[in-house]
Amino acid sequence: MPIYIVIGVFPLFSCSGGDSSSPVAPKEPEKLPFLELGSFPYEERMVLPDEVMRWKDREVVVTGFMNPMNQTRDIGQFLLVKDRASCCFGKLPQMNHFIDMTLREGEVIHYTKEPVTIKGTLQIGEIWEEDWLVAVYRMEDGVVVR
């Protein structure tokens, strides 16, 4: 018959509830309703509505359609638009109807006609390149969720 010796007692869990050293689950990104970004008539240099600015610098997940601009495979940068009418063969989207999307380094996607969902930190504010307004919304660390 084997003999077992217990050397120490290890708690399996803590019931203190207020222990600040216990691990905290990471906060889930919020689902960004794309329609909210374009819910107002946009004009250059305007003050953006509070309901839009509340998303600034937040980690979000957003679903839209790809406008790849110049290639169809191994895409790392594209416009994420709210609907297919603003995609490749439709009209040019309004400035507040797209997100200038750059995927995280090493991440690429092939063009698809299906909706894509991207996770990342949303930057809000007019982005100018010299005298050209190029975007109002940008995400530079995007990760493809689906």
N, C-alpha and C. Protein backbone atom coordinates (compact mmCIF):
# COMPACT_ATOMS: atom_id res chain seq x y z
N MET A 1 0.84 -1.17 0.00
CA MET A 1 0.00 0.00 0.00
C MET A 1 0.89 1.24 0.00
N PRO A 2 0.68 2.19 -1.01
CA PRO A 2 1.53 3.37 -1.09
C PRO A 2 1.20 4.36 0.02
N ILE A 3 2.22 5.11 0.42
CA ILE A 3 2.06 6.14 1.45
C ILE A 3 2.25 7.49 0.76
N TYR A 4 1.31 8.43 0.97
CA TYR A 4 1.38 9.77 0.40
C TYR A 4 1.71 10.77 1.49
N ILE A 5 2.65 11.67 1.20
CA ILE A 5 3.03 12.70 2.16
C ILE A 5 2.65 14.06 1.57
N VAL A 6 1.91 14.85 2.32
CA VAL A 6 1.51 16.18 1.90
C VAL A 6 2.53 17.16 2.46
N ILE A 7 3.18 17.93 1.54
CA ILE A 7 4.23 18.85 1.98
C ILE A 7 3.65 20.25 2.21
N GLY A 8 2.66 20.67 1.49
CA GLY A 8 2.08 22.01 1.65
C GLY A 8 0.64 22.01 1.19
N VAL A 9 -0.03 23.08 1.48
CA VAL A 9 -1.42 23.23 1.06
C VAL A 9 -1.46 24.41 0.09
N PHE A 10 -2.02 24.18 -1.07
CA PHE A 10 -2.10 25.22 -2.09
C PHE A 10 -3.57 25.55 -2.34
N PRO A 11 -3.94 26.81 -2.13
CA PRO A 11 -5.35 27.14 -2.38
C PRO A 11 -5.65 27.08 -3.88
N LEU A 12 -6.81 26.59 -4.21
CA LEU A 12 -7.22 26.50 -5.59
C LEU A 12 -7.83 27.81 -6.11
N PHE A 13 -8.40 28.59 -5.20
CA PHE A 13 -8.96 29.87 -5.61
C PHE A 13 -9.07 30.75 -4.38
N SER A 14 -9.30 32.04 -4.63
CA SER A 14 -9.44 33.00 -3.54
C SER A 14 -10.86 33.54 -3.56
N CYS A 15 -11.44 33.68 -2.39
CA CYS A 15 -12.79 34.20 -2.28
C CYS A 15 -12.82 35.63 -1.77
N SER A 16 -11.65 36.29 -1.72
CA SER A 16 -11.59 37.63 -1.13
C SER A 16 -12.34 38.67 -1.94
N GLY A 17 -12.36 38.53 -3.27
CA GLY A 17 -13.11 39.46 -4.11
C GLY A 17 -12.46 40.81 -4.27
N GLY A 18 -11.76 41.33 -3.28
CA GLY A 18 -11.17 42.65 -3.36
C GLY A 18 -9.67 42.62 -3.61
N ASP A 19 -9.12 41.48 -3.91
CA ASP A 19 -7.68 41.34 -4.11
C ASP A 19 -7.29 41.98 -5.44
N SER A 20 -6.53 43.09 -5.37
CA SER A 20 -6.15 43.80 -6.60
C SER A 20 -5.07 43.07 -7.38
N SER A 21 -4.44 42.07 -6.78
CA SER A 21 -3.40 41.34 -7.50
C SER A 21 -3.97 40.20 -8.33
N SER A 22 -5.27 39.91 -8.18
CA SER A 22 -5.86 38.83 -8.97
C SER A 22 -5.99 39.28 -10.42
N PRO A 23 -5.83 38.36 -11.37
CA PRO A 23 -5.90 38.75 -12.78
C PRO A 23 -7.28 39.25 -13.17
N VAL A 24 -7.30 40.25 -14.03
CA VAL A 24 -8.55 40.82 -14.52
C VAL A 24 -8.67 40.45 -15.99
N ALA A 25 -9.85 40.01 -16.38
CA ALA A 25 -10.07 39.65 -17.78
C ALA A 25 -9.90 40.90 -18.64
N PRO A 26 -9.24 40.76 -19.81
CA PRO A 26 -9.07 41.93 -20.67
C PRO A 26 -10.42 42.44 -21.16
N LYS A 27 -10.52 43.76 -21.29
CA LYS A 27 -11.77 44.37 -21.74
C LYS A 27 -12.00 44.04 -23.20
N GLU A 28 -13.20 43.59 -23.52
CA GLU A 28 -13.57 43.26 -24.90
C GLU A 28 -13.76 44.55 -25.70
N PRO A 29 -13.34 44.55 -26.96
CA PRO A 29 -13.59 45.74 -27.78
C PRO A 29 -15.09 45.93 -28.01
N GLU A 30 -15.49 47.19 -28.16
CA GLU A 30 -16.89 47.50 -28.37
C GLU A 30 -17.26 47.38 -29.84
N LYS A 31 -18.48 46.97 -30.10
CA LYS A 31 -18.96 46.87 -31.48
C LYS A 31 -19.35 48.27 -31.95
N LEU A 32 -18.67 48.75 -32.99
CA LEU A 32 -18.91 50.08 -33.53
C LEU A 32 -19.98 50.00 -34.61
N PRO A 33 -21.12 50.67 -34.42
CA PRO A 33 -22.14 50.69 -35.49
C PRO A 33 -21.68 51.65 -36.59
N PHE A 34 -21.34 51.10 -37.74
CA PHE A 34 -20.77 51.88 -38.85
C PHE A 34 -21.67 53.07 -39.22
N LEU A 35 -22.98 52.86 -39.18
CA LEU A 35 -23.91 53.93 -39.56
C LEU A 35 -23.77 55.16 -38.69
N GLU A 36 -23.32 54.98 -37.44
CA GLU A 36 -23.16 56.12 -36.54
C GLU A 36 -22.08 57.08 -37.04
N LEU A 37 -21.04 56.55 -37.69
CA LEU A 37 -19.95 57.39 -38.18
C LEU A 37 -20.42 58.34 -39.28
N GLY A 38 -21.39 57.92 -40.06
CA GLY A 38 -21.86 58.73 -41.18
C GLY A 38 -23.25 59.30 -40.98
N SER A 39 -23.66 59.44 -39.74
CA SER A 39 -25.04 59.84 -39.45
C SER A 39 -25.27 61.35 -39.49
N PHE A 40 -24.32 62.09 -40.06
CA PHE A 40 -24.44 63.55 -40.09
C PHE A 40 -23.84 64.07 -41.39
N PRO A 41 -24.28 65.24 -41.85
CA PRO A 41 -23.68 65.82 -43.05
C PRO A 41 -22.30 66.38 -42.70
N TYR A 42 -21.29 65.88 -43.35
CA TYR A 42 -19.91 66.27 -43.03
C TYR A 42 -19.46 67.48 -43.86
N GLU A 43 -18.74 68.38 -43.20
CA GLU A 43 -18.10 69.51 -43.87
C GLU A 43 -16.67 69.62 -43.34
N GLU A 44 -15.73 70.00 -44.19
CA GLU A 44 -14.33 70.13 -43.76
C GLU A 44 -14.22 71.06 -42.56
N ARG A 45 -13.32 70.68 -41.66
CA ARG A 45 -12.95 71.44 -40.47
C ARG A 45 -14.10 71.65 -39.48
N MET A 46 -15.14 70.85 -39.60
CA MET A 46 -16.26 70.98 -38.66
C MET A 46 -15.93 70.29 -37.34
N VAL A 47 -16.64 70.66 -36.29
CA VAL A 47 -16.56 69.96 -35.02
C VAL A 47 -17.44 68.72 -35.15
N LEU A 48 -16.85 67.56 -34.92
CA LEU A 48 -17.60 66.31 -35.08
C LEU A 48 -18.56 66.11 -33.91
N PRO A 49 -19.70 65.48 -34.14
CA PRO A 49 -20.70 65.27 -33.08
C PRO A 49 -20.15 64.42 -31.93
N ASP A 50 -20.68 64.67 -30.73
CA ASP A 50 -20.26 63.93 -29.54
C ASP A 50 -20.47 62.43 -29.70
N GLU A 51 -21.58 62.03 -30.37
CA GLU A 51 -21.85 60.59 -30.51
C GLU A 51 -20.81 59.91 -31.39
N VAL A 52 -20.08 60.67 -32.19
CA VAL A 52 -18.97 60.12 -32.96
C VAL A 52 -17.67 60.20 -32.15
N MET A 53 -17.43 61.33 -31.52
CA MET A 53 -16.19 61.54 -30.77
C MET A 53 -16.04 60.58 -29.59
N ARG A 54 -17.14 60.04 -29.11
CA ARG A 54 -17.05 59.10 -27.98
C ARG A 54 -16.28 57.83 -28.35
N TRP A 55 -16.14 57.56 -29.68
CA TRP A 55 -15.42 56.38 -30.15
C TRP A 55 -13.92 56.62 -30.31
N LYS A 56 -13.48 57.85 -30.18
CA LYS A 56 -12.07 58.21 -30.41
C LYS A 56 -11.14 57.44 -29.48
N ASP A 57 -10.12 56.83 -30.08
CA ASP A 57 -9.07 56.09 -29.36
C ASP A 57 -9.60 54.88 -28.58
N ARG A 58 -10.74 54.36 -28.97
CA ARG A 58 -11.29 53.16 -28.33
C ARG A 58 -10.98 51.94 -29.18
N GLU A 59 -10.79 50.81 -28.51
CA GLU A 59 -10.65 49.56 -29.24
C GLU A 59 -12.04 49.08 -29.62
N VAL A 60 -12.22 48.85 -30.93
CA VAL A 60 -13.55 48.51 -31.45
C VAL A 60 -13.45 47.34 -32.41
N VAL A 61 -14.59 46.74 -32.69
CA VAL A 61 -14.74 45.83 -33.82
C VAL A 61 -15.77 46.47 -34.72
N VAL A 62 -15.47 46.46 -36.02
CA VAL A 62 -16.35 47.10 -36.98
C VAL A 62 -16.45 46.23 -38.22
N THR A 63 -17.65 46.14 -38.78
CA THR A 63 -17.89 45.33 -39.96
C THR A 63 -18.27 46.23 -41.12
N GLY A 64 -17.66 45.96 -42.27
CA GLY A 64 -17.95 46.73 -43.47
C GLY A 64 -17.45 45.99 -44.70
N PHE A 65 -17.33 46.72 -45.80
CA PHE A 65 -16.88 46.13 -47.06
C PHE A 65 -15.56 46.75 -47.47
N MET A 66 -14.75 45.96 -48.13
CA MET A 66 -13.42 46.41 -48.55
C MET A 66 -13.48 47.21 -49.84
N ASN A 67 -12.75 48.31 -49.86
CA ASN A 67 -12.45 49.04 -51.09
C ASN A 67 -10.92 49.03 -51.16
N PRO A 68 -10.35 48.08 -51.91
CA PRO A 68 -8.90 47.84 -51.85
C PRO A 68 -8.05 48.87 -52.58
N MET A 69 -8.63 49.74 -53.34
CA MET A 69 -7.95 50.83 -54.04
C MET A 69 -7.06 50.37 -55.19
N ASN A 70 -6.07 49.49 -54.98
CA ASN A 70 -5.15 49.21 -56.09
C ASN A 70 -4.69 47.76 -56.22
N GLN A 71 -5.15 46.85 -55.41
CA GLN A 71 -4.77 45.44 -55.55
C GLN A 71 -5.85 44.57 -54.97
N THR A 72 -5.78 43.25 -55.26
CA THR A 72 -6.81 42.34 -54.78
C THR A 72 -6.27 41.21 -53.91
N ARG A 73 -4.94 41.06 -53.81
CA ARG A 73 -4.36 39.99 -53.00
C ARG A 73 -3.32 40.58 -52.05
N ASP A 74 -3.16 39.94 -50.92
CA ASP A 74 -2.17 40.37 -49.91
C ASP A 74 -2.31 41.85 -49.58
N ILE A 75 -3.52 42.25 -49.25
CA ILE A 75 -3.83 43.65 -48.98
C ILE A 75 -3.56 43.96 -47.52
N GLY A 76 -2.82 45.02 -47.28
CA GLY A 76 -2.55 45.47 -45.92
C GLY A 76 -3.18 46.82 -45.62
N GLN A 77 -3.63 47.51 -46.67
CA GLN A 77 -4.27 48.82 -46.49
C GLN A 77 -5.43 48.94 -47.47
N PHE A 78 -6.57 49.44 -46.96
CA PHE A 78 -7.77 49.59 -47.79
C PHE A 78 -8.73 50.52 -47.09
N LEU A 79 -9.78 50.89 -47.77
CA LEU A 79 -10.86 51.64 -47.16
C LEU A 79 -11.93 50.64 -46.74
N LEU A 80 -12.38 50.75 -45.52
CA LEU A 80 -13.51 49.94 -45.05
C LEU A 80 -14.73 50.84 -45.17
N VAL A 81 -15.69 50.42 -46.01
CA VAL A 81 -16.86 51.24 -46.28
C VAL A 81 -18.11 50.56 -45.73
N LYS A 82 -19.17 51.34 -45.56
CA LYS A 82 -20.36 50.81 -44.89
C LYS A 82 -21.21 49.90 -45.75
N ASP A 83 -21.14 50.06 -47.08
CA ASP A 83 -21.98 49.23 -47.93
C ASP A 83 -21.32 49.02 -49.30
N ARG A 84 -21.87 48.10 -50.06
CA ARG A 84 -21.28 47.78 -51.37
C ARG A 84 -21.39 48.93 -52.36
N ALA A 85 -22.37 49.80 -52.19
CA ALA A 85 -22.51 50.93 -53.11
C ALA A 85 -21.30 51.86 -53.04
N SER A 86 -20.59 51.83 -51.91
CA SER A 86 -19.39 52.67 -51.74
C SER A 86 -18.13 51.88 -52.00
N CYS A 87 -18.28 50.69 -52.50
CA CYS A 87 -17.12 49.81 -52.72
C CYS A 87 -16.50 50.09 -54.08
N CYS A 88 -15.89 49.09 -54.64
CA CYS A 88 -15.06 49.22 -55.83
C CYS A 88 -15.75 49.80 -57.06
N PHE A 89 -16.99 49.43 -57.30
CA PHE A 89 -17.62 49.80 -58.55
C PHE A 89 -18.74 50.82 -58.36
N GLY A 90 -18.93 51.28 -57.14
CA GLY A 90 -19.98 52.25 -56.88
C GLY A 90 -19.41 53.66 -56.85
N LYS A 91 -20.15 54.54 -56.23
CA LYS A 91 -19.72 55.93 -56.13
C LYS A 91 -18.64 56.07 -55.05
N LEU A 92 -17.88 57.13 -55.12
CA LEU A 92 -16.86 57.43 -54.12
C LEU A 92 -17.55 57.72 -52.79
N PRO A 93 -17.12 57.08 -51.70
CA PRO A 93 -17.81 57.30 -50.42
C PRO A 93 -17.56 58.71 -49.89
N GLN A 94 -18.54 59.22 -49.16
CA GLN A 94 -18.38 60.49 -48.48
C GLN A 94 -17.28 60.36 -47.42
N MET A 95 -16.68 61.46 -47.05
CA MET A 95 -15.53 61.46 -46.15
C MET A 95 -15.81 60.79 -44.80
N ASN A 96 -17.04 60.87 -44.32
CA ASN A 96 -17.36 60.26 -43.03
C ASN A 96 -18.07 58.92 -43.18
N HIS A 97 -17.93 58.29 -44.37
CA HIS A 97 -18.55 56.99 -44.62
C HIS A 97 -17.53 55.88 -44.82
N PHE A 98 -16.26 56.13 -44.47
CA PHE A 98 -15.25 55.08 -44.57
C PHE A 98 -14.21 55.23 -43.48
N ILE A 99 -13.50 54.13 -43.23
CA ILE A 99 -12.36 54.13 -42.30
C ILE A 99 -11.14 53.78 -43.13
N ASP A 100 -10.12 54.63 -43.07
CA ASP A 100 -8.84 54.36 -43.72
C ASP A 100 -8.15 53.28 -42.88
N MET A 101 -8.10 52.06 -43.40
CA MET A 101 -7.69 50.89 -42.63
C MET A 101 -6.29 50.44 -43.01
N THR A 102 -5.42 50.29 -42.01
CA THR A 102 -4.12 49.68 -42.20
C THR A 102 -4.05 48.52 -41.21
N LEU A 103 -3.80 47.32 -41.73
CA LEU A 103 -3.73 46.15 -40.87
C LEU A 103 -2.41 46.13 -40.12
N ARG A 104 -2.42 45.44 -38.99
CA ARG A 104 -1.22 45.27 -38.17
C ARG A 104 -0.10 44.67 -39.03
N GLU A 105 1.13 45.02 -38.73
CA GLU A 105 2.28 44.53 -39.50
C GLU A 105 2.25 43.01 -39.59
N GLY A 106 2.42 42.50 -40.81
CA GLY A 106 2.41 41.06 -41.05
C GLY A 106 1.03 40.50 -41.35
N GLU A 107 -0.01 41.28 -41.14
CA GLU A 107 -1.38 40.83 -41.39
C GLU A 107 -1.82 41.30 -42.78
N VAL A 108 -2.38 40.40 -43.57
CA VAL A 108 -2.90 40.76 -44.89
C VAL A 108 -4.22 40.03 -45.11
N ILE A 109 -4.97 40.50 -46.10
CA ILE A 109 -6.25 39.89 -46.45
C ILE A 109 -6.37 39.96 -47.97
N HIS A 110 -7.06 38.99 -48.56
CA HIS A 110 -7.37 39.04 -49.98
C HIS A 110 -8.72 39.72 -50.13
N TYR A 111 -8.91 40.40 -51.25
CA TYR A 111 -10.18 41.08 -51.49
C TYR A 111 -11.33 40.08 -51.46
N THR A 112 -12.42 40.51 -50.86
CA THR A 112 -13.64 39.72 -50.83
C THR A 112 -14.83 40.65 -51.00
N LYS A 113 -15.89 40.15 -51.63
CA LYS A 113 -17.13 40.91 -51.76
C LYS A 113 -17.98 40.79 -50.51
N GLU A 114 -17.61 39.86 -49.64
CA GLU A 114 -18.35 39.64 -48.40
C GLU A 114 -17.93 40.66 -47.34
N PRO A 115 -18.79 40.90 -46.35
CA PRO A 115 -18.40 41.82 -45.27
C PRO A 115 -17.20 41.27 -44.50
N VAL A 116 -16.35 42.16 -44.02
CA VAL A 116 -15.23 41.79 -43.18
C VAL A 116 -15.35 42.51 -41.85
N THR A 117 -14.87 41.87 -40.81
CA THR A 117 -14.88 42.47 -39.47
C THR A 117 -13.43 42.67 -39.04
N ILE A 118 -13.14 43.89 -38.59
CA ILE A 118 -11.79 44.27 -38.20
C ILE A 118 -11.82 44.76 -36.76
N LYS A 119 -10.78 44.42 -36.01
CA LYS A 119 -10.63 44.89 -34.63
C LYS A 119 -9.41 45.80 -34.57
N GLY A 120 -9.53 46.91 -33.87
CA GLY A 120 -8.41 47.82 -33.69
C GLY A 120 -8.83 49.08 -32.97
N THR A 121 -7.90 50.03 -32.87
CA THR A 121 -8.16 51.29 -32.19
C THR A 121 -8.56 52.34 -33.22
N LEU A 122 -9.73 52.94 -33.03
CA LEU A 122 -10.24 53.92 -33.97
C LEU A 122 -9.69 55.31 -33.65
N GLN A 123 -9.07 55.91 -34.66
CA GLN A 123 -8.60 57.29 -34.54
C GLN A 123 -9.60 58.17 -35.27
N ILE A 124 -9.94 59.30 -34.65
CA ILE A 124 -10.92 60.20 -35.23
C ILE A 124 -10.34 61.61 -35.30
N GLY A 125 -10.50 62.22 -36.45
CA GLY A 125 -10.04 63.59 -36.67
C GLY A 125 -9.57 63.70 -38.11
N GLU A 126 -9.66 64.87 -38.66
CA GLU A 126 -9.27 65.06 -40.06
C GLU A 126 -7.79 64.74 -40.25
N ILE A 127 -7.51 63.98 -41.29
CA ILE A 127 -6.14 63.58 -41.62
C ILE A 127 -5.81 64.22 -42.96
N TRP A 128 -4.85 65.12 -42.93
CA TRP A 128 -4.47 65.89 -44.12
C TRP A 128 -3.11 65.43 -44.59
N GLU A 129 -2.95 65.32 -45.88
CA GLU A 129 -1.65 65.10 -46.52
C GLU A 129 -1.44 66.28 -47.44
N GLU A 130 -0.57 67.18 -46.99
CA GLU A 130 -0.37 68.48 -47.64
C GLU A 130 -1.71 69.20 -47.65
N ASP A 131 -2.22 69.56 -48.81
CA ASP A 131 -3.48 70.30 -48.87
C ASP A 131 -4.70 69.41 -49.10
N TRP A 132 -4.52 68.08 -49.01
CA TRP A 132 -5.60 67.15 -49.31
C TRP A 132 -6.11 66.49 -48.05
N LEU A 133 -7.42 66.59 -47.85
CA LEU A 133 -8.07 65.84 -46.78
C LEU A 133 -8.22 64.40 -47.25
N VAL A 134 -7.61 63.46 -46.54
CA VAL A 134 -7.64 62.06 -47.00
C VAL A 134 -8.57 61.17 -46.18
N ALA A 135 -8.85 61.55 -44.94
CA ALA A 135 -9.72 60.71 -44.11
C ALA A 135 -10.15 61.48 -42.87
N VAL A 136 -11.22 61.00 -42.28
CA VAL A 136 -11.68 61.50 -40.98
C VAL A 136 -11.50 60.40 -39.93
N TYR A 137 -11.61 59.15 -40.38
CA TYR A 137 -11.47 57.99 -39.49
C TYR A 137 -10.31 57.13 -39.98
N ARG A 138 -9.51 56.64 -39.03
CA ARG A 138 -8.37 55.80 -39.41
C ARG A 138 -8.16 54.74 -38.34
N MET A 139 -7.73 53.57 -38.80
CA MET A 139 -7.31 52.49 -37.90
C MET A 139 -6.00 51.96 -38.45
N GLU A 140 -4.93 52.02 -37.64
CA GLU A 140 -3.60 51.64 -38.13
C GLU A 140 -3.09 50.31 -37.58
N ASP A 141 -3.85 49.68 -36.74
CA ASP A 141 -3.39 48.43 -36.12
C ASP A 141 -4.43 47.33 -36.26
N GLY A 142 -5.15 47.34 -37.36
CA GLY A 142 -6.28 46.45 -37.53
C GLY A 142 -5.91 44.98 -37.60
N VAL A 143 -6.79 44.16 -37.06
CA VAL A 143 -6.65 42.71 -37.10
C VAL A 143 -7.96 42.15 -37.66
N VAL A 144 -7.85 41.30 -38.67
CA VAL A 144 -9.03 40.70 -39.27
C VAL A 144 -9.64 39.69 -38.31
N VAL A 145 -10.90 39.89 -37.98
CA VAL A 145 -11.62 38.97 -37.09
C VAL A 145 -12.33 37.91 -37.93
N ARG A 146 -12.95 38.34 -39.05
CA ARG A 146 -13.58 37.41 -40.00
C ARG A 146 -13.79 38.10 -41.32
